[in-house]
N, C-alpha and C. Protein backbone atom coordinates (compact mmCIF):
# COMPACT_ATOMS: atom_id res chain seq x y z
N MET A 1 71.99 108.79 91.54
CA MET A 1 73.32 108.96 90.88
C MET A 1 74.43 108.98 92.08
N THR A 2 75.40 108.12 91.94
CA THR A 2 76.58 107.97 92.83
C THR A 2 77.85 108.31 92.02
N THR A 3 78.60 109.18 92.58
CA THR A 3 79.96 109.54 91.89
C THR A 3 81.15 109.04 92.73
N TRP A 4 82.17 108.73 91.92
CA TRP A 4 83.34 108.09 92.49
C TRP A 4 84.49 108.85 91.85
N LEU A 5 85.61 109.14 92.55
CA LEU A 5 86.98 109.45 92.09
C LEU A 5 87.88 108.35 92.49
N VAL A 6 88.64 107.87 91.58
CA VAL A 6 89.67 106.93 91.86
C VAL A 6 90.95 107.22 91.36
N THR A 7 92.05 107.43 92.18
CA THR A 7 93.33 107.76 91.62
C THR A 7 94.19 106.59 91.28
N GLY A 8 95.20 106.71 90.39
CA GLY A 8 96.00 105.60 90.05
C GLY A 8 95.04 104.56 89.36
N ALA A 9 94.14 105.14 88.36
CA ALA A 9 93.07 104.29 87.83
C ALA A 9 93.45 103.66 86.53
N SER A 10 94.74 103.82 85.99
CA SER A 10 94.97 103.27 84.70
C SER A 10 95.34 101.80 84.65
N ARG A 11 95.54 101.20 85.70
CA ARG A 11 96.02 99.77 85.91
C ARG A 11 95.78 99.22 87.27
N GLY A 12 96.11 97.91 87.43
CA GLY A 12 95.98 97.27 88.72
C GLY A 12 94.72 97.41 89.51
N LEU A 13 94.90 97.68 90.75
CA LEU A 13 93.70 97.80 91.57
C LEU A 13 92.82 99.00 91.22
N GLY A 14 93.49 100.10 90.76
CA GLY A 14 92.65 101.25 90.30
C GLY A 14 91.74 100.94 89.18
N PHE A 15 92.32 100.38 88.12
CA PHE A 15 91.52 100.11 86.95
C PHE A 15 90.44 99.03 87.36
N GLY A 16 90.80 98.03 88.18
CA GLY A 16 89.84 97.05 88.72
C GLY A 16 88.70 97.66 89.39
N LEU A 17 88.89 98.73 90.13
CA LEU A 17 87.90 99.43 90.88
C LEU A 17 86.92 100.17 89.87
N VAL A 18 87.53 100.78 88.94
CA VAL A 18 86.73 101.54 88.04
C VAL A 18 85.82 100.64 87.18
N LYS A 19 86.40 99.55 86.77
CA LYS A 19 85.63 98.47 85.90
C LYS A 19 84.44 97.93 86.78
N HIS A 20 84.78 97.55 87.98
CA HIS A 20 83.71 96.91 88.81
C HIS A 20 82.76 97.91 89.29
N ILE A 21 83.01 99.16 89.45
CA ILE A 21 82.14 100.18 89.93
C ILE A 21 81.16 100.37 88.77
N LEU A 22 81.66 100.61 87.57
CA LEU A 22 80.83 100.87 86.42
C LEU A 22 79.78 99.65 86.17
N ALA A 23 80.40 98.45 86.38
CA ALA A 23 79.47 97.22 86.14
C ALA A 23 78.46 97.04 87.18
N ALA A 24 78.77 97.63 88.32
CA ALA A 24 77.76 97.32 89.45
C ALA A 24 76.44 98.03 89.38
N SER A 25 76.51 99.22 88.74
CA SER A 25 75.25 100.02 88.67
C SER A 25 75.28 101.09 87.51
N LYS A 26 74.17 101.16 86.80
CA LYS A 26 74.16 102.28 85.74
C LYS A 26 74.03 103.66 86.50
N ASP A 27 73.81 103.74 87.75
CA ASP A 27 73.75 104.90 88.42
C ASP A 27 75.05 105.45 88.89
N ASN A 28 76.16 104.65 88.65
CA ASN A 28 77.51 105.13 89.02
C ASN A 28 78.14 105.81 87.95
N THR A 29 78.77 107.05 88.36
CA THR A 29 79.62 107.81 87.46
C THR A 29 81.02 107.84 88.05
N VAL A 30 82.04 107.65 87.22
CA VAL A 30 83.34 107.42 87.83
C VAL A 30 84.36 108.45 87.14
N PHE A 31 85.08 109.09 88.02
CA PHE A 31 86.16 109.91 87.54
C PHE A 31 87.49 109.10 87.67
N ALA A 32 88.10 108.64 86.68
CA ALA A 32 89.32 107.83 86.76
C ALA A 32 90.48 108.68 86.57
N ALA A 33 91.17 108.92 87.53
CA ALA A 33 92.42 109.79 87.49
C ALA A 33 93.68 109.03 87.37
N CYS A 34 94.46 109.57 86.32
CA CYS A 34 95.85 108.93 86.12
C CYS A 34 96.80 109.89 85.57
N ARG A 35 98.02 109.53 85.68
CA ARG A 35 99.14 110.45 85.19
C ARG A 35 99.03 110.73 83.69
N ASN A 36 98.80 109.75 82.87
CA ASN A 36 98.90 109.91 81.39
C ASN A 36 97.79 109.41 80.68
N PRO A 37 96.57 110.09 80.65
CA PRO A 37 95.45 109.61 79.94
C PRO A 37 95.63 109.06 78.56
N SER A 38 96.59 109.79 77.92
CA SER A 38 96.87 109.36 76.47
C SER A 38 97.44 107.97 76.26
N THR A 39 97.99 107.49 77.41
CA THR A 39 98.48 106.07 77.26
C THR A 39 97.67 105.07 78.06
N ALA A 40 96.70 105.44 78.66
CA ALA A 40 95.84 104.66 79.49
C ALA A 40 94.83 103.87 78.62
N ASN A 41 95.43 102.85 77.89
CA ASN A 41 94.62 102.24 76.87
C ASN A 41 93.45 101.45 77.42
N GLN A 42 93.59 100.77 78.54
CA GLN A 42 92.49 100.05 79.22
C GLN A 42 91.36 100.98 79.58
N LEU A 43 91.67 102.15 80.09
CA LEU A 43 90.59 103.06 80.49
C LEU A 43 89.92 103.53 79.24
N THR A 44 90.70 103.84 78.14
CA THR A 44 90.08 104.40 76.97
C THR A 44 89.14 103.35 76.37
N GLU A 45 89.50 102.04 76.28
CA GLU A 45 88.65 101.07 75.73
C GLU A 45 87.35 100.95 76.64
N LEU A 46 87.54 101.08 77.97
CA LEU A 46 86.41 100.91 78.89
C LEU A 46 85.43 102.14 78.66
N ALA A 47 86.02 103.22 78.38
CA ALA A 47 85.27 104.53 78.19
C ALA A 47 84.42 104.35 76.89
N SER A 48 85.01 103.78 75.86
CA SER A 48 84.31 103.69 74.61
C SER A 48 83.17 102.64 74.68
N SER A 49 83.17 101.73 75.68
CA SER A 49 82.18 100.68 75.64
C SER A 49 81.16 101.02 76.84
N SER A 50 81.46 102.20 77.59
CA SER A 50 80.53 102.58 78.55
C SER A 50 79.47 103.51 78.10
N GLU A 51 78.38 103.60 78.93
CA GLU A 51 77.36 104.64 78.55
C GLU A 51 77.94 106.06 78.58
N PRO A 52 77.55 107.02 77.78
CA PRO A 52 78.11 108.32 77.75
C PRO A 52 77.94 108.99 79.07
N ASP A 53 79.10 109.74 79.54
CA ASP A 53 79.19 110.51 80.70
C ASP A 53 79.24 109.67 81.89
N LYS A 54 79.50 108.37 81.82
CA LYS A 54 79.57 107.49 82.95
C LYS A 54 80.96 107.39 83.44
N LEU A 55 81.98 107.48 82.49
CA LEU A 55 83.45 107.45 82.78
C LEU A 55 84.14 108.63 82.28
N HIS A 56 84.69 109.38 83.14
CA HIS A 56 85.57 110.51 82.79
C HIS A 56 86.91 110.26 83.13
N ILE A 57 87.81 110.38 82.28
CA ILE A 57 89.16 110.08 82.40
C ILE A 57 89.97 111.53 82.66
N VAL A 58 90.56 111.56 83.78
CA VAL A 58 91.12 112.80 84.30
C VAL A 58 92.63 112.79 84.42
N LYS A 59 93.30 113.72 84.02
CA LYS A 59 94.81 113.77 84.14
C LYS A 59 95.12 114.20 85.61
N LEU A 60 95.71 113.39 86.33
CA LEU A 60 96.06 113.75 87.73
C LEU A 60 97.41 112.97 88.19
N ASP A 61 98.40 113.62 88.47
CA ASP A 61 99.70 113.01 88.97
C ASP A 61 99.68 113.30 90.47
N VAL A 62 99.54 112.31 91.39
CA VAL A 62 99.61 112.68 92.78
C VAL A 62 100.80 113.27 93.35
N ALA A 63 102.01 113.14 92.48
CA ALA A 63 103.24 113.74 92.91
C ALA A 63 103.45 115.25 92.36
N ASP A 64 102.35 115.75 91.78
CA ASP A 64 102.42 117.04 91.13
C ASP A 64 101.24 117.77 91.49
N GLU A 65 101.25 118.68 92.43
CA GLU A 65 100.11 119.37 92.96
C GLU A 65 99.36 120.17 91.96
N SER A 66 100.11 120.75 90.95
CA SER A 66 99.37 121.56 89.94
C SER A 66 98.46 120.73 89.18
N THR A 67 98.78 119.47 88.89
CA THR A 67 97.83 118.59 88.18
C THR A 67 96.62 118.16 89.08
N ILE A 68 96.79 118.06 90.43
CA ILE A 68 95.81 117.79 91.25
C ILE A 68 94.82 118.94 91.28
N ALA A 69 95.37 120.18 91.38
CA ALA A 69 94.39 121.31 91.36
C ALA A 69 93.59 121.48 90.08
N GLU A 70 94.30 121.27 88.94
CA GLU A 70 93.52 121.29 87.68
C GLU A 70 92.53 120.12 87.54
N ALA A 71 92.80 118.96 88.08
CA ALA A 71 91.96 117.90 88.11
C ALA A 71 90.66 118.20 88.93
N ALA A 72 90.98 118.84 90.12
CA ALA A 72 89.90 119.19 90.94
C ALA A 72 88.92 120.19 90.30
N LYS A 73 89.50 121.05 89.62
CA LYS A 73 88.66 122.21 88.88
C LYS A 73 87.76 121.39 87.77
N GLU A 74 88.36 120.60 87.01
CA GLU A 74 87.73 119.77 85.98
C GLU A 74 86.53 119.02 86.61
N VAL A 75 86.87 118.19 87.60
CA VAL A 75 85.72 117.45 88.18
C VAL A 75 84.68 118.25 88.79
N GLY A 76 85.14 119.31 89.58
CA GLY A 76 84.14 120.15 90.20
C GLY A 76 83.26 120.85 89.15
N SER A 77 83.72 121.14 87.98
CA SER A 77 82.88 121.79 87.02
C SER A 77 81.86 120.83 86.38
N ILE A 78 82.25 119.58 86.21
CA ILE A 78 81.25 118.53 85.71
C ILE A 78 80.23 118.31 86.74
N LEU A 79 80.74 118.15 88.04
CA LEU A 79 79.75 117.86 89.12
C LEU A 79 78.72 119.03 89.14
N SER A 80 79.23 120.24 89.11
CA SER A 80 78.43 121.44 89.26
C SER A 80 77.22 121.49 88.05
N GLN A 81 77.73 121.13 86.87
CA GLN A 81 76.93 121.22 85.68
C GLN A 81 75.77 120.12 85.88
N LYS A 82 76.06 119.14 86.63
CA LYS A 82 75.01 117.94 86.81
C LYS A 82 74.30 118.20 88.09
N GLY A 83 74.70 119.07 88.86
CA GLY A 83 74.03 119.25 90.22
C GLY A 83 74.40 118.11 91.17
N LEU A 84 75.56 117.56 91.07
CA LEU A 84 75.98 116.52 91.85
C LEU A 84 77.19 116.79 92.81
N ALA A 85 77.33 115.95 93.74
CA ALA A 85 78.38 116.01 94.77
C ALA A 85 79.35 114.84 94.53
N LEU A 86 80.56 114.84 95.08
CA LEU A 86 81.44 113.72 95.01
C LEU A 86 81.11 112.79 96.25
N ASP A 87 80.67 111.53 96.01
CA ASP A 87 80.26 110.69 96.98
C ASP A 87 81.44 109.84 97.64
N TYR A 88 82.28 109.35 96.71
CA TYR A 88 83.33 108.41 97.19
C TYR A 88 84.68 108.97 96.50
N LEU A 89 85.73 109.08 97.42
CA LEU A 89 86.97 109.47 96.97
C LEU A 89 87.96 108.37 97.43
N ILE A 90 88.58 107.71 96.39
CA ILE A 90 89.45 106.56 96.86
C ILE A 90 90.91 106.97 96.40
N ASN A 91 91.75 107.21 97.43
CA ASN A 91 93.19 107.44 97.18
C ASN A 91 93.85 106.11 96.98
N ASN A 92 94.07 105.76 95.81
CA ASN A 92 94.63 104.46 95.40
C ASN A 92 96.03 104.53 94.79
N ALA A 93 96.40 105.71 94.18
CA ALA A 93 97.75 105.71 93.58
C ALA A 93 98.79 105.31 94.54
N GLY A 94 99.81 104.51 94.11
CA GLY A 94 100.82 104.24 95.07
C GLY A 94 101.95 103.57 94.31
N ILE A 95 103.18 103.68 94.88
CA ILE A 95 104.39 103.13 94.26
C ILE A 95 105.24 102.32 95.31
N SER A 96 105.97 101.33 94.91
CA SER A 96 106.94 100.73 95.83
C SER A 96 108.30 100.69 94.91
N THR A 97 109.29 101.57 95.21
CA THR A 97 110.43 101.79 94.44
C THR A 97 111.61 100.82 94.65
N ALA A 98 111.57 100.17 95.88
CA ALA A 98 112.78 99.39 96.25
C ALA A 98 112.51 98.34 97.32
N HIS A 99 113.23 97.31 97.33
CA HIS A 99 113.10 96.28 98.36
C HIS A 99 114.21 96.67 99.54
N ASP A 100 114.02 97.83 100.02
CA ASP A 100 115.11 98.36 100.97
C ASP A 100 114.84 98.06 102.45
N THR A 101 115.84 98.32 103.17
CA THR A 101 115.71 98.15 104.72
C THR A 101 116.04 99.54 105.31
N PRO A 102 115.83 99.68 106.63
CA PRO A 102 116.26 100.92 107.25
C PRO A 102 117.62 101.27 107.05
N MET A 103 118.48 100.37 106.83
CA MET A 103 119.90 100.70 106.66
C MET A 103 120.33 100.81 105.17
N THR A 104 119.53 100.48 104.22
CA THR A 104 119.89 100.50 102.80
C THR A 104 118.95 101.51 102.09
N ALA A 105 118.05 102.17 102.69
CA ALA A 105 117.05 102.95 101.90
C ALA A 105 117.75 104.34 101.56
N THR A 106 117.58 104.64 100.35
CA THR A 106 118.29 105.95 99.80
C THR A 106 117.29 107.13 99.99
N SER A 107 117.86 108.28 99.99
CA SER A 107 117.09 109.47 100.10
C SER A 107 116.15 109.65 98.92
N LYS A 108 116.54 109.36 97.69
CA LYS A 108 115.72 109.46 96.56
C LYS A 108 114.53 108.57 96.68
N ASN A 109 114.83 107.31 96.85
CA ASN A 109 113.70 106.26 96.93
C ASN A 109 112.77 106.65 98.06
N LEU A 110 113.21 107.04 99.29
CA LEU A 110 112.35 107.45 100.34
C LEU A 110 111.44 108.59 100.04
N MET A 111 112.09 109.70 99.39
CA MET A 111 111.43 110.81 98.98
C MET A 111 110.25 110.56 97.99
N ASP A 112 110.68 109.82 97.01
CA ASP A 112 109.67 109.42 95.80
C ASP A 112 108.47 108.62 96.38
N THR A 113 108.81 107.68 97.24
CA THR A 113 107.76 106.80 97.82
C THR A 113 106.88 107.68 98.69
N LEU A 114 107.39 108.40 99.64
CA LEU A 114 106.65 109.24 100.49
C LEU A 114 105.85 110.24 99.72
N LEU A 115 106.37 110.95 98.66
CA LEU A 115 105.59 111.85 97.87
C LEU A 115 104.41 111.28 97.19
N THR A 116 104.52 110.15 96.76
CA THR A 116 103.36 109.47 96.04
C THR A 116 102.38 108.77 96.98
N ASN A 117 102.96 108.07 97.94
CA ASN A 117 102.09 107.26 98.90
C ASN A 117 101.54 108.00 100.06
N THR A 118 102.09 109.13 100.46
CA THR A 118 101.64 109.90 101.63
C THR A 118 101.21 111.34 101.41
N VAL A 119 102.16 112.13 100.66
CA VAL A 119 101.91 113.44 100.47
C VAL A 119 100.78 113.60 99.42
N GLY A 120 100.72 112.73 98.42
CA GLY A 120 99.82 112.60 97.42
C GLY A 120 98.36 112.61 97.91
N PRO A 121 98.10 111.64 98.79
CA PRO A 121 96.75 111.57 99.42
C PRO A 121 96.33 112.74 100.22
N PHE A 122 97.25 113.41 100.92
CA PHE A 122 97.04 114.59 101.59
C PHE A 122 96.54 115.70 100.67
N LEU A 123 97.23 115.82 99.58
CA LEU A 123 97.00 116.89 98.58
C LEU A 123 95.67 116.60 97.75
N VAL A 124 95.45 115.43 97.30
CA VAL A 124 94.33 115.10 96.70
C VAL A 124 93.01 115.25 97.63
N THR A 125 93.13 114.91 98.85
CA THR A 125 91.99 115.15 99.76
C THR A 125 91.80 116.62 99.95
N GLN A 126 92.82 117.42 100.13
CA GLN A 126 92.54 118.85 100.39
C GLN A 126 91.87 119.48 99.25
N HIS A 127 92.23 119.05 98.05
CA HIS A 127 91.65 119.66 96.85
C HIS A 127 90.23 119.17 96.48
N PHE A 128 89.97 117.99 96.85
CA PHE A 128 88.68 117.37 96.51
C PHE A 128 87.65 117.46 97.68
N MET A 129 88.09 117.81 98.83
CA MET A 129 87.24 117.74 99.92
C MET A 129 85.98 118.70 99.79
N PRO A 130 86.07 119.85 99.25
CA PRO A 130 84.83 120.78 99.03
C PRO A 130 83.66 120.00 98.29
N TYR A 131 84.07 119.15 97.24
CA TYR A 131 83.06 118.39 96.55
C TYR A 131 82.46 117.25 97.37
N LEU A 132 83.38 116.56 98.10
CA LEU A 132 83.05 115.39 98.92
C LEU A 132 82.09 115.85 100.03
N GLU A 133 82.47 116.97 100.68
CA GLU A 133 81.49 117.41 101.76
C GLU A 133 80.10 117.78 101.36
N LYS A 134 79.87 117.88 100.13
CA LYS A 134 78.47 118.21 99.69
C LYS A 134 77.66 116.87 99.59
N SER A 135 78.23 115.68 99.73
CA SER A 135 77.51 114.59 99.59
C SER A 135 76.71 114.21 100.79
N ALA A 136 75.65 113.57 100.69
CA ALA A 136 74.81 113.15 101.83
C ALA A 136 75.50 112.00 102.66
N LYS A 137 76.26 111.33 102.00
CA LYS A 137 77.02 110.33 102.72
C LYS A 137 78.50 110.09 102.03
N PRO A 138 79.39 111.18 102.48
CA PRO A 138 80.66 111.19 101.89
C PRO A 138 81.59 110.12 102.47
N VAL A 139 82.31 109.41 101.50
CA VAL A 139 83.22 108.37 101.96
C VAL A 139 84.63 108.54 101.38
N LEU A 140 85.56 108.39 102.19
CA LEU A 140 87.04 108.60 101.74
C LEU A 140 87.79 107.40 102.16
N MET A 141 88.36 106.63 101.14
CA MET A 141 89.07 105.44 101.43
C MET A 141 90.53 105.66 101.09
N ASN A 142 91.49 105.52 101.92
CA ASN A 142 92.87 105.56 101.62
C ASN A 142 93.42 104.07 101.43
N MET A 143 93.98 103.75 100.26
CA MET A 143 94.39 102.39 100.06
C MET A 143 95.77 102.25 100.71
N SER A 144 95.71 101.50 101.81
CA SER A 144 96.93 101.30 102.58
C SER A 144 97.41 99.96 102.16
N SER A 145 98.03 99.23 103.30
CA SER A 145 98.63 97.85 103.15
C SER A 145 98.75 97.25 104.47
N GLY A 146 98.68 95.91 104.60
CA GLY A 146 99.06 95.30 105.85
C GLY A 146 100.45 95.52 106.21
N LEU A 147 101.27 95.89 105.23
CA LEU A 147 102.74 96.11 105.56
C LEU A 147 102.79 97.45 106.32
N GLY A 148 101.79 98.35 106.31
CA GLY A 148 101.80 99.57 106.99
C GLY A 148 101.46 99.49 108.45
N SER A 149 101.14 98.23 108.95
CA SER A 149 100.88 98.00 110.38
C SER A 149 102.15 98.00 111.23
N ILE A 150 102.29 99.00 112.16
CA ILE A 150 103.34 99.05 113.09
C ILE A 150 103.31 97.83 114.05
N THR A 151 102.16 97.41 114.46
CA THR A 151 102.05 96.26 115.23
C THR A 151 102.55 95.00 114.73
N ASN A 152 102.50 94.84 113.38
CA ASN A 152 102.98 93.60 112.67
C ASN A 152 104.24 93.80 112.00
N ALA A 153 105.03 94.96 112.33
CA ALA A 153 106.23 95.15 111.65
C ALA A 153 107.36 94.29 112.26
N ASP A 154 107.39 93.03 111.85
CA ASP A 154 108.37 92.09 112.41
C ASP A 154 109.48 91.70 111.46
N THR A 155 109.61 92.46 110.37
CA THR A 155 110.65 92.27 109.33
C THR A 155 111.22 93.54 108.93
N SER A 156 112.36 93.62 108.19
CA SER A 156 112.87 94.98 107.95
C SER A 156 112.91 95.25 106.50
N PHE A 157 112.23 94.39 105.69
CA PHE A 157 112.23 94.62 104.25
C PHE A 157 111.22 95.75 103.78
N GLN A 158 111.37 96.37 102.66
CA GLN A 158 110.50 97.36 102.13
C GLN A 158 110.26 98.52 103.09
N ALA A 159 111.29 99.02 103.78
CA ALA A 159 111.23 100.04 104.75
C ALA A 159 110.58 101.29 104.18
N GLY A 160 110.83 101.76 103.11
CA GLY A 160 110.31 102.97 102.58
C GLY A 160 108.85 102.87 102.31
N TYR A 161 108.39 101.74 101.71
CA TYR A 161 107.00 101.62 101.34
C TYR A 161 106.19 101.36 102.64
N ARG A 162 106.71 100.65 103.54
CA ARG A 162 106.03 100.33 104.80
C ARG A 162 105.89 101.71 105.55
N THR A 163 106.92 102.45 105.68
CA THR A 163 106.92 103.80 106.34
C THR A 163 105.87 104.69 105.69
N SER A 164 105.78 104.69 104.38
CA SER A 164 104.82 105.57 103.66
C SER A 164 103.41 105.10 103.97
N LYS A 165 103.08 103.85 104.14
CA LYS A 165 101.73 103.41 104.42
C LYS A 165 101.39 103.48 105.95
N ALA A 166 102.33 103.47 106.79
CA ALA A 166 102.17 103.72 108.16
C ALA A 166 101.76 105.09 108.41
N ALA A 167 102.52 106.02 107.68
CA ALA A 167 102.18 107.53 107.73
C ALA A 167 100.85 107.75 107.07
N LEU A 168 100.40 107.02 105.97
CA LEU A 168 99.09 107.17 105.43
C LEU A 168 98.02 106.75 106.45
N ASN A 169 98.27 105.73 107.23
CA ASN A 169 97.33 105.28 108.32
C ASN A 169 97.17 106.42 109.31
N LEU A 170 98.22 107.07 109.83
CA LEU A 170 98.03 108.20 110.63
C LEU A 170 97.22 109.29 110.05
N PHE A 171 97.55 109.60 108.84
CA PHE A 171 96.81 110.64 108.15
C PHE A 171 95.21 110.35 108.13
N THR A 172 94.92 109.08 107.96
CA THR A 172 93.58 108.65 107.89
C THR A 172 92.95 108.86 109.23
N LYS A 173 93.59 108.41 110.31
CA LYS A 173 93.05 108.69 111.75
C LYS A 173 92.85 110.14 111.96
N GLN A 174 93.78 110.90 111.67
CA GLN A 174 93.75 112.34 111.87
C GLN A 174 92.61 112.99 111.22
N LEU A 175 92.53 112.61 109.97
CA LEU A 175 91.43 113.22 109.08
C LEU A 175 90.07 112.91 109.64
N SER A 176 89.93 111.69 110.03
CA SER A 176 88.58 111.31 110.68
C SER A 176 88.23 112.18 111.91
N VAL A 177 89.18 112.63 112.56
CA VAL A 177 88.93 113.58 113.68
C VAL A 177 88.61 114.88 113.21
N GLU A 178 89.36 115.35 112.21
CA GLU A 178 89.19 116.78 111.65
C GLU A 178 87.80 116.78 110.88
N LYS A 179 87.51 115.73 110.19
CA LYS A 179 86.36 115.78 109.42
C LYS A 179 85.30 114.61 109.76
N PRO A 180 84.68 114.96 111.06
CA PRO A 180 83.68 113.80 111.55
C PRO A 180 82.53 113.48 110.64
N GLU A 181 82.15 114.50 109.72
CA GLU A 181 81.08 114.32 108.90
C GLU A 181 81.37 113.34 107.58
N VAL A 182 82.65 113.09 107.54
CA VAL A 182 83.10 112.22 106.47
C VAL A 182 83.45 110.87 106.96
N ILE A 183 83.07 109.78 106.28
CA ILE A 183 83.49 108.42 106.70
C ILE A 183 84.86 108.20 106.11
N VAL A 184 85.90 108.22 106.93
CA VAL A 184 87.24 108.07 106.46
C VAL A 184 87.95 106.83 107.06
N PHE A 185 88.43 106.02 106.10
CA PHE A 185 89.04 104.81 106.66
C PHE A 185 90.17 104.32 105.71
N ALA A 186 91.11 103.43 106.22
CA ALA A 186 92.18 102.90 105.38
C ALA A 186 91.84 101.50 105.14
N MET A 187 92.12 100.95 103.94
CA MET A 187 91.91 99.73 103.46
C MET A 187 93.18 99.02 103.03
N ALA A 188 93.39 97.77 103.41
CA ALA A 188 94.43 96.84 102.99
C ALA A 188 93.85 96.06 101.91
N PRO A 189 94.27 95.97 100.71
CA PRO A 189 93.56 95.19 99.65
C PRO A 189 93.97 93.69 99.60
N GLY A 190 95.07 93.38 100.49
CA GLY A 190 95.55 92.12 100.39
C GLY A 190 96.78 91.93 99.53
N TRP A 191 97.39 90.85 99.36
CA TRP A 191 98.41 90.63 98.52
C TRP A 191 98.00 90.20 97.08
N VAL A 192 97.93 91.29 96.20
CA VAL A 192 97.27 91.13 94.89
C VAL A 192 98.18 91.00 93.75
N LYS A 193 97.79 90.33 92.71
CA LYS A 193 98.53 90.20 91.48
C LYS A 193 98.48 91.49 90.67
N THR A 194 99.43 92.48 91.00
CA THR A 194 99.47 93.62 90.25
C THR A 194 100.92 93.94 89.90
N ASP A 195 101.21 94.97 89.17
CA ASP A 195 102.57 95.30 88.80
C ASP A 195 103.35 95.58 90.03
N LEU A 196 102.67 96.12 91.10
CA LEU A 196 103.42 96.30 92.29
C LEU A 196 103.87 95.17 93.05
N ALA A 197 102.90 94.13 93.25
CA ALA A 197 103.11 93.03 94.07
C ALA A 197 103.74 91.81 93.26
N GLY A 198 103.43 91.85 91.94
CA GLY A 198 104.09 90.82 91.06
C GLY A 198 103.10 89.60 90.95
N PRO A 199 103.40 88.71 90.06
CA PRO A 199 102.49 87.63 89.59
C PRO A 199 102.34 86.50 90.70
N SER A 200 103.22 86.41 91.61
CA SER A 200 103.22 85.37 92.65
C SER A 200 102.25 85.74 93.86
N ALA A 201 101.77 86.86 93.82
CA ALA A 201 100.85 87.25 94.92
C ALA A 201 99.59 86.38 94.96
N ALA A 202 98.83 86.34 96.12
CA ALA A 202 97.97 85.38 96.34
C ALA A 202 96.54 85.54 95.77
N LEU A 203 96.17 86.93 95.63
CA LEU A 203 94.85 87.25 95.25
C LEU A 203 94.75 87.92 93.87
N THR A 204 93.67 87.63 93.14
CA THR A 204 93.43 88.35 91.85
C THR A 204 92.84 89.68 92.14
N VAL A 205 93.05 90.64 91.09
CA VAL A 205 92.43 91.92 91.21
C VAL A 205 90.95 91.87 91.36
N ASP A 206 90.38 91.03 90.63
CA ASP A 206 88.91 90.92 90.70
C ASP A 206 88.38 90.48 92.04
N PHE A 207 89.01 89.61 92.70
CA PHE A 207 88.63 89.06 93.98
C PHE A 207 88.79 90.24 95.06
N SER A 208 89.91 90.79 95.06
CA SER A 208 90.16 91.85 96.02
C SER A 208 89.23 92.99 95.82
N VAL A 209 89.04 93.53 94.66
CA VAL A 209 88.15 94.64 94.28
C VAL A 209 86.73 94.45 94.63
N SER A 210 86.27 93.12 94.31
CA SER A 210 84.81 92.86 94.51
C SER A 210 84.55 92.88 95.96
N ASN A 211 85.45 92.39 96.87
CA ASN A 211 85.31 92.37 98.23
C ASN A 211 85.47 93.74 98.84
N MET A 212 86.32 94.61 98.34
CA MET A 212 86.54 95.84 98.80
C MET A 212 85.27 96.81 98.56
N LEU A 213 84.69 96.60 97.41
CA LEU A 213 83.43 97.31 97.18
C LEU A 213 82.23 96.98 98.00
N LYS A 214 82.31 95.66 98.47
CA LYS A 214 81.21 95.32 99.44
C LYS A 214 81.43 96.01 100.64
N VAL A 215 82.59 96.20 101.18
CA VAL A 215 82.90 96.93 102.42
C VAL A 215 82.55 98.48 102.11
N LEU A 216 82.85 99.10 101.06
CA LEU A 216 82.64 100.40 100.72
C LEU A 216 81.16 100.75 100.70
N ALA A 217 80.39 99.72 100.23
CA ALA A 217 78.84 99.93 100.13
C ALA A 217 78.25 99.90 101.35
N ASN A 218 78.92 99.29 102.57
CA ASN A 218 78.26 99.15 103.71
C ASN A 218 78.88 99.92 104.89
N VAL A 219 79.78 100.79 104.66
CA VAL A 219 80.49 101.58 105.69
C VAL A 219 79.53 102.42 106.28
N THR A 220 79.68 102.76 107.55
CA THR A 220 78.90 103.77 108.33
C THR A 220 79.78 104.66 109.15
N LYS A 221 79.24 105.58 109.84
CA LYS A 221 80.01 106.54 110.59
C LYS A 221 80.96 105.77 111.75
N LYS A 222 80.42 104.68 112.15
CA LYS A 222 81.25 103.89 113.19
C LYS A 222 82.55 103.34 112.58
N ASP A 223 82.60 103.23 111.25
CA ASP A 223 83.76 102.74 110.63
C ASP A 223 84.84 103.69 110.43
N SER A 224 84.49 105.07 110.59
CA SER A 224 85.41 106.03 110.34
C SER A 224 86.60 106.09 111.33
N GLY A 225 87.67 106.21 110.84
CA GLY A 225 89.04 106.25 111.64
C GLY A 225 89.47 104.85 111.88
N THR A 226 89.07 103.91 110.91
CA THR A 226 89.58 102.49 111.15
C THR A 226 90.49 102.05 110.10
N PHE A 227 91.15 100.99 110.28
CA PHE A 227 92.07 100.32 109.35
C PHE A 227 91.64 98.91 109.12
N VAL A 228 91.08 98.45 107.94
CA VAL A 228 90.46 97.18 107.74
C VAL A 228 91.17 96.58 106.54
N ASN A 229 90.79 95.24 106.46
CA ASN A 229 91.34 94.48 105.19
C ASN A 229 90.14 94.43 104.19
N TYR A 230 90.40 93.79 103.09
CA TYR A 230 89.38 93.77 101.99
C TYR A 230 88.02 93.18 102.37
N SER A 231 88.11 92.32 103.44
CA SER A 231 86.78 91.78 103.84
C SER A 231 86.11 92.51 104.93
N GLY A 232 86.77 93.67 105.28
CA GLY A 232 86.19 94.51 106.43
C GLY A 232 86.62 94.11 107.88
N ALA A 233 87.58 93.10 108.08
CA ALA A 233 88.18 92.84 109.32
C ALA A 233 89.02 93.89 109.76
N VAL A 234 89.00 94.35 110.94
CA VAL A 234 89.83 95.39 111.54
C VAL A 234 91.19 94.96 111.75
N LEU A 235 92.19 95.79 111.22
CA LEU A 235 93.58 95.44 111.45
C LEU A 235 94.21 96.35 112.44
N PRO A 236 95.32 95.83 113.13
CA PRO A 236 95.90 96.65 114.11
C PRO A 236 96.80 97.82 113.43
N TRP A 237 96.76 98.87 113.97
CA TRP A 237 97.64 100.10 113.41
C TRP A 237 99.08 99.66 113.67
């Protein structure tokens, strides 16, 4: 039995991950975390068509630590009852609030973006690490972006979003140092047709997700502390 927690699971890449993980093996159990389970219609429909106890929809808002703590207790209780650990933690939830530049970014947009994209993964990781550490092969993936690469930062647009992902990359690297027993890495999913990237993006959710899951299935300790794209190619920090 392999267990997964995916944040931001009600739509886009998060929902795509949940759907593909469940379809990949009957041995997979997924905790799909989202802000409003009552309006997560795609997840609800998927749960009704899935085998019992294979998909658990969990209320979790990465911008609200109290909901993270409650979700961790809920997931921990289910894992304990089944005698399981958490094998994969995917920090996927993210937002992009404005097409700003360093000179036009507002305090509110910066704070909102950093809270969700950077602080959120810090807190989710802290609350769920006790369950992840019990796994024989714990894997933590932070959903980053090629726009978070400082090396490739040759334009000024989306300053807040890019800053939040660059900070997430540093968190990934530091966490890999603090927790060497956990495989920790950052993944850039590519330019995907989601609500965040828009319909003109180059890749479909299914294409990106299927490739990311191949990478996730084959990561080892040597991959910890790296930044890769959806095909596993190493990206510059």
